[in-house]
C-alpha cells in the first residue's frame, strides 16, 4: 500500500475544456499548463486539453515551452514570463512565441505585446505599446486583476484601456481573459482566452464550488489510516498538544504531512475517512497527521481531496487560494504515487 496516491482524471479535464470552449464562444481556448500543469502534470494535461479542442498552450518559461514542443509539434505555445539570457535562441529553435514586457522586442521570434492595464506586474504602459512597430507583433495581451471579484468596475476600466491599444494593431490576436473572465465577461473574450485554473476543474471564484460553473475537479489525493489509537481524556496528539481529548477518543494516523504538501495550517480541516467527513486533529507533522476515526479501523481509505472534499475547502482553512493548494502537492515516487486515468 502506497503512502498516498495522486490521481489525475483526463476525462474530467477534457469536459472542463469543452465547458470553457462553450463559454468562450468564437474565441480560441488556450490552456495554461505552467508550473507542471498547476501540479497536475503538464504533458498529460496538455495532451488532453488539445484533444478537447484547445488551440494553444501557455507556459511561464522557455524551458516549460521547449518540453511541450518536444511532445507536440503543431499547437501554438506561448511563453508568458520574462526571458532570461539565451532564451530567445532557444525559443526560436523550439518554435515558441514569446511575450514582450518592455518596448525592446526580442528579435526573430513571434511576439505578443503585454500591456499593463492595471495589474501592476509585468507589461509595458499603453503609451509604450502604442509606439511599437506593428509588423513584429502577432498578439496583444493583458491580464485582469479582479475578474473573480463581485465589483466589475475595475475590469471594465482595464478592458477599455486594452481596447485602446489593441485597436492600433489590426490583425494581432487579442487575449486578456483568464478563467474567471471567460466564464463571466463575454466582452473580454476577443480572439482567444487563456484558461488555467478552470481547466483543472477548480473554481476561479472565491466562495464558489467548481460545480457551480459546470467544472469537475481533475485531481484527487488519497491515503489510508496507517495506525489507529485511542486517547483517554486529557491525552493529546501531535506537537504542542493542540488537541487534547475531552473524553475517550479514537484517532487514526495518516502517513501524509506537510512534507507532501498537506500544509501545517490544515488543522481542523475535514477529510473523508471511509466515506465519512472527519476533522484533522492536532498539529500536522512533516510526515503524518491525526484524524477523528469514528468507527473506522486501520487500513480505512482517506481522501484528502476527492470524494466530496474540495481543494477550495482546504484553501479556505489556510486563508489562501485553491491554486496554491494543488501546486503545493509534492508528487514523486519516493513519497507519493501518481496515476493517470481516463474516466
Protein backbone atom coordinates (compact mmCIF):
# COMPACT_ATOMS: atom_id res chain seq x y z
CA UNK A 1 0.00 0.00 0.00
CA UNK A 2 1.46 3.35 -1.04
CA UNK A 3 1.69 6.26 1.43
CA UNK A 4 -0.54 8.36 -0.80
CA UNK A 5 -1.92 8.32 -4.31
CA UNK A 6 -2.50 11.28 -6.62
CA UNK A 7 -5.00 10.52 -9.39
CA UNK A 8 -5.42 12.70 -12.48
CA UNK A 9 -8.66 12.19 -14.43
CA UNK A 10 -8.10 13.29 -18.02
CA UNK A 11 -11.72 12.70 -18.99
CA UNK A 12 -12.76 15.31 -16.43
CA UNK A 13 -10.16 17.70 -17.84
CA UNK A 14 -11.50 17.27 -21.36
CA UNK A 15 -15.00 18.02 -20.15
CA UNK A 16 -13.72 21.17 -18.45
CA UNK A 17 -12.11 22.33 -21.69
CA UNK A 18 -15.34 21.64 -23.55
CA UNK A 19 -17.20 23.72 -20.95
CA UNK A 20 -14.73 26.57 -21.41
CA UNK A 21 -14.98 26.36 -25.19
CA UNK A 22 -18.74 26.68 -24.84
CA UNK A 23 -18.30 29.74 -22.61
CA UNK A 24 -15.68 31.28 -24.93
CA UNK A 25 -17.94 31.28 -27.96
CA UNK A 26 -15.92 32.03 -31.09
CA UNK A 27 -12.71 32.68 -29.16
CA UNK A 28 -9.98 30.05 -29.08
CA UNK A 29 -9.21 28.41 -25.73
CA UNK A 30 -5.54 28.36 -24.80
CA UNK A 31 -4.78 26.05 -21.88
CA UNK A 32 -2.35 27.35 -19.27
CA UNK A 33 -0.12 24.45 -18.21
CA UNK A 34 2.68 26.29 -16.40
CA UNK A 35 4.05 25.01 -13.07
CA UNK A 36 3.68 21.41 -14.29
CA UNK A 37 0.04 21.99 -15.13
CA UNK A 38 -0.73 23.52 -11.71
CA UNK A 39 0.66 20.37 -10.13
CA UNK A 40 -1.43 18.04 -12.31
CA UNK A 41 1.24 17.10 -14.87
CA UNK A 42 1.84 19.40 -17.84
CA UNK A 43 2.32 16.83 -20.59
CA UNK A 44 -0.70 14.69 -19.76
CA UNK A 45 -2.93 17.71 -19.24
CA UNK A 46 -1.73 19.47 -22.38
CA UNK A 47 -2.45 16.38 -24.45
CA UNK A 48 -5.97 16.07 -23.03
CA UNK A 49 -6.68 19.78 -23.45
CA UNK A 50 -5.62 19.73 -27.09
CA UNK A 51 -7.72 16.63 -27.71
CA UNK A 52 -10.72 18.52 -26.30
CA UNK A 53 -10.22 21.41 -28.70
CA UNK A 54 -7.79 23.79 -27.02
CA UNK A 55 -5.86 25.60 -29.74
CA UNK A 56 -2.84 26.77 -27.79
CA UNK A 57 -0.76 26.19 -24.67
CA UNK A 58 0.61 28.82 -22.29
CA UNK A 59 3.62 28.45 -20.00
CA UNK A 60 5.79 30.66 -17.82
CA UNK A 61 9.29 29.74 -19.04
CA UNK A 62 11.07 28.79 -22.23
CA UNK A 63 12.12 25.55 -20.55
CA UNK A 64 8.50 24.61 -19.97
CA UNK A 65 7.65 25.51 -23.56
CA UNK A 66 10.53 23.55 -25.06
CA UNK A 67 9.50 20.43 -23.13
CA UNK A 68 6.00 20.73 -24.56
CA UNK A 69 7.29 21.29 -28.08
CA UNK A 70 9.19 18.01 -27.88
CA UNK A 71 5.82 16.31 -27.39
CA UNK A 72 3.54 18.49 -29.56
CA UNK A 73 4.68 19.71 -32.97
CA UNK A 74 1.70 21.78 -34.10
CA UNK A 75 -0.02 23.92 -31.45
CA UNK A 76 0.86 27.48 -30.58
CA UNK A 77 2.95 27.57 -27.39
CA UNK A 78 3.22 30.95 -25.71
CA UNK A 79 5.88 31.76 -23.10
CA UNK A 80 4.33 34.38 -20.84
CA UNK A 81 7.18 35.06 -18.41
CA UNK A 82 10.22 37.32 -18.80
CA UNK A 83 13.09 35.95 -20.86
CA UNK A 84 16.48 35.06 -19.42
CA UNK A 85 19.84 35.11 -21.20
CA UNK A 86 19.82 32.64 -24.11
CA UNK A 87 16.05 32.20 -24.08
CA UNK A 88 15.41 33.95 -27.39
CA UNK A 89 17.60 31.49 -29.29
CA UNK A 90 16.05 28.54 -27.50
CA UNK A 91 12.54 29.82 -28.16
CA UNK A 92 13.34 30.32 -31.83
CA UNK A 93 14.70 26.79 -32.12
CA UNK A 94 11.60 25.30 -30.46
CA UNK A 95 9.11 27.34 -32.47
CA UNK A 96 7.76 29.14 -29.42
CA UNK A 97 6.05 32.52 -29.23
CA UNK A 98 7.14 34.93 -26.51
CA UNK A 99 5.74 37.86 -24.56
CA UNK A 100 7.40 41.27 -24.63
CA UNK A 101 7.01 43.08 -21.31
CA UNK A 102 9.01 46.18 -22.26
CA UNK A 103 9.48 48.14 -25.51
CA UNK A 104 12.64 46.24 -26.51
CA UNK A 105 11.15 43.44 -28.62
CA UNK A 106 13.03 40.12 -28.70
CA UNK A 107 14.49 39.62 -32.20
CA UNK A 108 13.45 36.89 -34.59
CA UNK A 109 10.58 35.31 -32.66
CA UNK A 110 6.82 35.91 -32.84
CA UNK A 111 5.99 38.49 -30.17
CA UNK A 112 2.90 39.12 -28.07
CA UNK A 113 2.96 42.58 -26.53
CA UNK A 114 1.85 42.62 -22.91
CA UNK A 115 0.21 45.84 -21.80
CA UNK A 116 -0.12 46.66 -18.11
CA UNK A 117 -3.69 47.92 -17.93
CA UNK A 118 -3.86 47.82 -14.15
CA UNK A 119 -2.42 44.55 -12.84
CA UNK A 120 0.79 46.31 -11.84
CA UNK A 121 3.05 43.41 -12.75
CA UNK A 122 4.86 42.58 -15.99
CA UNK A 123 3.90 44.64 -19.01
CA UNK A 124 4.57 47.96 -20.70
CA UNK A 125 2.42 51.05 -20.44
CA UNK A 126 -0.25 51.70 -23.07
CA UNK A 127 1.84 54.64 -24.33
CA UNK A 128 4.92 52.45 -24.78
CA UNK A 129 2.89 49.80 -26.58
CA UNK A 130 1.33 52.31 -28.97
CA UNK A 131 4.81 53.48 -30.02
CA UNK A 132 5.86 49.99 -31.19
CA UNK A 133 6.15 48.96 -34.85
CA UNK A 134 3.17 46.77 -35.70
CA UNK A 135 4.94 44.46 -38.14
CA UNK A 136 6.65 42.49 -35.35
CA UNK A 137 3.54 41.93 -33.24
CA UNK A 138 1.40 38.79 -33.58
CA UNK A 139 -0.56 39.24 -30.36
CA UNK A 140 -1.72 41.88 -27.88
CA UNK A 141 -2.43 40.80 -24.31
CA UNK A 142 -3.05 41.99 -20.78
CA UNK A 143 -4.11 40.41 -17.51
CA UNK A 144 -7.15 41.18 -15.38
CA UNK A 145 -6.66 41.86 -11.68
CA UNK A 146 -10.21 41.46 -10.38
CA UNK A 147 -12.19 39.25 -12.78
CA UNK A 148 -13.03 36.91 -9.89
CA UNK A 149 -14.48 39.68 -7.68
CA UNK A 150 -18.06 40.90 -7.44
CA UNK A 151 -17.31 44.52 -8.35
CA UNK A 152 -16.99 44.71 -12.15
CA UNK A 153 -15.79 48.31 -12.25
CA UNK A 154 -12.04 47.77 -12.46
CA UNK A 155 -12.40 45.00 -15.05
CA UNK A 156 -14.34 47.45 -17.24
CA UNK A 157 -11.57 50.04 -16.82
CA UNK A 158 -8.90 47.52 -17.80
CA UNK A 159 -10.83 46.34 -20.84
CA UNK A 160 -11.27 49.90 -22.07
CA UNK A 161 -7.53 50.59 -21.74
CA UNK A 162 -6.80 47.32 -23.52
CA UNK A 163 -9.10 48.07 -26.45
CA UNK A 164 -7.42 51.43 -26.98
CA UNK A 165 -4.09 49.69 -27.54
CA UNK A 166 -5.39 46.60 -29.34
CA UNK A 167 -7.20 48.69 -31.95
CA UNK A 168 -3.81 50.03 -33.08
CA UNK A 169 -2.63 46.52 -34.04
CA UNK A 170 -5.12 45.17 -36.59
CA UNK A 171 -4.60 41.50 -37.30
CA UNK A 172 -2.90 40.76 -33.98
CA UNK A 173 -4.58 38.15 -31.78
CA UNK A 174 -6.15 39.88 -28.78
CA UNK A 175 -6.26 37.95 -25.49
CA UNK A 176 -6.94 39.19 -21.98
CA UNK A 177 -9.44 36.80 -20.35
CA UNK A 178 -8.41 34.34 -17.67
CA UNK A 179 -10.69 31.55 -16.41
CA UNK A 180 -12.89 33.89 -14.37
CA UNK A 181 -13.31 36.37 -17.22
CA UNK A 182 -14.01 33.59 -19.72
CA UNK A 183 -16.91 32.41 -17.58
CA UNK A 184 -18.15 35.86 -16.57
CA UNK A 185 -17.32 38.61 -19.10
CA UNK A 186 -18.33 37.97 -22.72
CA UNK A 187 -16.71 41.23 -23.86
CA UNK A 188 -13.32 40.08 -22.52
CA UNK A 189 -13.04 37.06 -24.80
CA UNK A 190 -11.76 38.70 -28.03
CA UNK A 191 -9.97 36.16 -30.29
CA UNK A 192 -8.55 33.92 -27.55
CA UNK A 193 -8.86 33.22 -23.83
CA UNK A 194 -6.14 31.91 -21.53
CA UNK A 195 -7.66 29.42 -19.10
CA UNK A 196 -5.68 27.88 -16.27
CA UNK A 197 -7.42 27.01 -13.02
CA UNK A 198 -10.77 26.11 -14.59
CA UNK A 199 -9.12 23.62 -16.95
CA UNK A 200 -8.28 21.59 -13.84
CA UNK A 201 -11.85 21.77 -12.53
CA UNK A 202 -11.09 24.25 -9.77
CA UNK A 203 -13.24 27.30 -9.19
CA UNK A 204 -11.76 30.67 -10.18
CA UNK A 205 -14.27 32.39 -7.87
CA UNK A 206 -13.85 32.71 -4.09
CA UNK A 207 -16.60 31.01 -2.17
CA UNK A 208 -17.92 29.01 -5.10
CA UNK A 209 -17.78 25.30 -5.81
CA UNK A 210 -16.45 24.05 -9.18
CA UNK A 211 -19.84 22.52 -9.97
CA UNK A 212 -21.44 25.98 -9.74
CA UNK A 213 -19.82 26.71 -13.10
CA UNK A 214 -20.06 23.23 -14.60
CA UNK A 215 -16.49 22.24 -13.73
CA UNK A 216 -15.18 18.90 -12.44
CA UNK A 217 -12.04 18.56 -10.28
CA UNK A 218 -9.36 16.65 -12.16
CA UNK A 219 -7.13 15.79 -9.19
CA UNK A 220 -7.86 13.54 -6.25
CA UNK A 221 -5.45 12.71 -3.42
CA UNK A 222 -5.90 9.65 -1.24
CA UNK A 223 -4.14 7.82 1.53
CA UNK A 224 -5.19 5.50 4.37
CA UNK A 225 -5.26 5.10 8.12
CA UNK A 226 -1.88 3.59 8.96
CA UNK A 227 -2.40 3.27 12.72
CA UNK A 228 -5.44 3.56 14.99
CA UNK A 229 -5.13 4.78 18.56
CA UNK A 230 -7.45 5.52 21.46
CA UNK A 231 -6.84 8.62 23.54
CA UNK A 232 -8.16 8.82 27.07
CA UNK A 233 -9.50 12.09 28.48
CA UNK A 234 -6.70 14.67 28.85
CA UNK A 235 -4.39 12.79 26.46
CA UNK A 236 -3.20 14.63 23.36
CA UNK A 237 -1.86 14.04 19.87
CA UNK A 238 0.83 15.93 18.00
CA UNK A 239 3.27 18.74 18.66
CA UNK A 240 2.22 21.41 21.11
CA UNK A 241 -0.76 19.41 22.40
CA UNK A 242 -3.07 21.42 20.15
CA UNK A 243 -5.69 18.69 20.51
CA UNK A 244 -6.43 17.35 23.97
CA UNK A 245 -9.19 14.76 24.23
CA UNK A 246 -12.11 15.71 26.45
CA UNK A 247 -13.29 12.11 26.51
CA UNK A 248 -12.20 8.73 25.22
CA UNK A 249 -11.47 9.39 21.53
CA UNK A 250 -10.41 7.12 18.69
CA UNK A 251 -7.95 8.68 16.23
CA UNK A 252 -6.20 7.48 13.10
CA UNK A 253 -2.73 8.42 11.90
CA UNK A 254 -2.48 9.13 8.17
CA UNK A 255 1.03 8.90 6.62
CA UNK A 256 0.89 12.27 4.80
CA UNK A 257 2.14 15.60 6.13
CA UNK A 258 3.45 18.99 5.17
CA UNK A 259 6.47 17.33 3.59
CA UNK A 260 4.00 16.06 0.99
CA UNK A 261 2.14 19.35 0.65
CA UNK A 262 -0.62 18.76 3.23
CA UNK A 263 0.04 22.03 4.95
CA UNK A 264 0.63 22.54 8.67
CA UNK A 265 -2.20 25.05 8.79
CA UNK A 266 -4.77 22.39 7.89
CA UNK A 267 -5.54 21.51 11.49
CA UNK A 268 -9.33 21.45 11.74
CA UNK A 269 -9.99 20.90 8.05
CA UNK A 270 -12.03 17.89 7.02
CA UNK A 271 -11.01 14.80 5.06
CA UNK A 272 -13.05 11.74 4.17
CA UNK A 273 -12.38 8.58 6.20
CA UNK A 274 -14.09 5.51 4.82
CA UNK A 275 -16.67 7.78 3.19
CA UNK A 276 -17.37 9.92 6.28
CA UNK A 277 -16.19 13.50 6.82
CA UNK A 278 -13.76 13.67 9.75
CA UNK A 279 -11.72 16.50 11.27
CA UNK A 280 -7.94 16.70 11.21
CA UNK A 281 -6.81 16.84 14.86
CA UNK A 282 -3.76 18.47 16.38
CA UNK A 283 -0.70 19.74 14.59
CA UNK A 284 0.05 18.38 11.11
CA UNK A 285 3.56 16.88 11.14
CA UNK A 286 6.03 16.60 8.28
CA UNK A 287 5.08 13.01 7.51
CA UNK A 288 1.68 12.44 9.13
CA UNK A 289 -1.47 13.89 10.61
CA UNK A 290 -4.14 12.65 13.01
CA UNK A 291 -7.83 12.44 12.20
CA UNK A 292 -11.04 11.60 14.00
CA UNK A 293 -11.67 7.94 13.39
CA UNK A 294 -15.26 7.25 14.36
CA UNK A 295 -15.93 3.57 13.72
CA UNK A 296 -13.29 3.19 11.00
CA UNK A 297 -10.30 0.93 11.50
CA UNK A 298 -6.67 0.84 10.45
CA UNK A 299 -6.44 0.48 6.69
CA UNK A 300 -9.54 2.60 6.03
CA UNK A 301 -9.27 4.81 2.92
CA UNK A 302 -8.73 8.53 3.46
CA UNK A 303 -9.49 11.14 0.79
CA UNK A 304 -7.56 14.36 1.30
CA UNK A 305 -9.01 15.76 -1.94
CA UNK A 306 -11.81 13.91 -3.67
CA UNK A 307 -14.92 12.00 -2.57
CA UNK A 308 -16.59 15.35 -1.96
CA UNK A 309 -13.59 17.00 -0.28
CA UNK A 310 -12.63 20.05 -2.34
CA UNK A 311 -9.29 21.85 -2.64
CA UNK A 312 -11.35 25.00 -2.13
CA UNK A 313 -12.21 23.87 1.41
CA UNK A 314 -8.55 23.46 2.35
CA UNK A 315 -7.75 26.83 0.75
CA UNK A 316 -10.42 28.48 2.88
CA UNK A 317 -8.97 26.91 6.02
CA UNK A 318 -5.50 28.16 5.05
CA UNK A 319 -6.64 31.64 4.04
CA UNK A 320 -5.29 31.15 0.54
CA UNK A 321 -6.49 30.07 -2.93
CA UNK A 322 -7.02 26.66 -4.47
CA UNK A 323 -4.14 27.30 -6.91
CA UNK A 324 -1.66 27.22 -4.04
CA UNK A 325 -3.13 24.05 -2.55
CA UNK A 326 -2.75 21.93 -5.69
CA UNK A 327 0.54 23.47 -6.81
CA UNK A 328 1.99 22.65 -3.39
CA UNK A 329 1.35 18.90 -3.52
CA UNK A 330 4.67 17.10 -3.86
CA UNK A 331 4.39 14.26 -6.31
CA UNK A 332 7.41 11.97 -6.57
CA UNK A 333 7.90 8.22 -6.42
CA UNK A 334 9.76 8.48 -3.11
CA UNK A 335 6.61 9.64 -1.27
CA UNK A 336 3.53 9.89 -3.49
CA UNK A 337 2.45 7.65 -6.35
CA UNK A 338 0.81 9.36 -9.33
CA UNK A 339 -1.58 7.67 -11.72
CA UNK A 340 -3.44 8.95 -14.74
CA UNK A 341 -6.91 7.67 -15.56
CA UNK A 342 -9.27 8.41 -18.41
CA UNK A 343 -12.76 8.46 -16.96
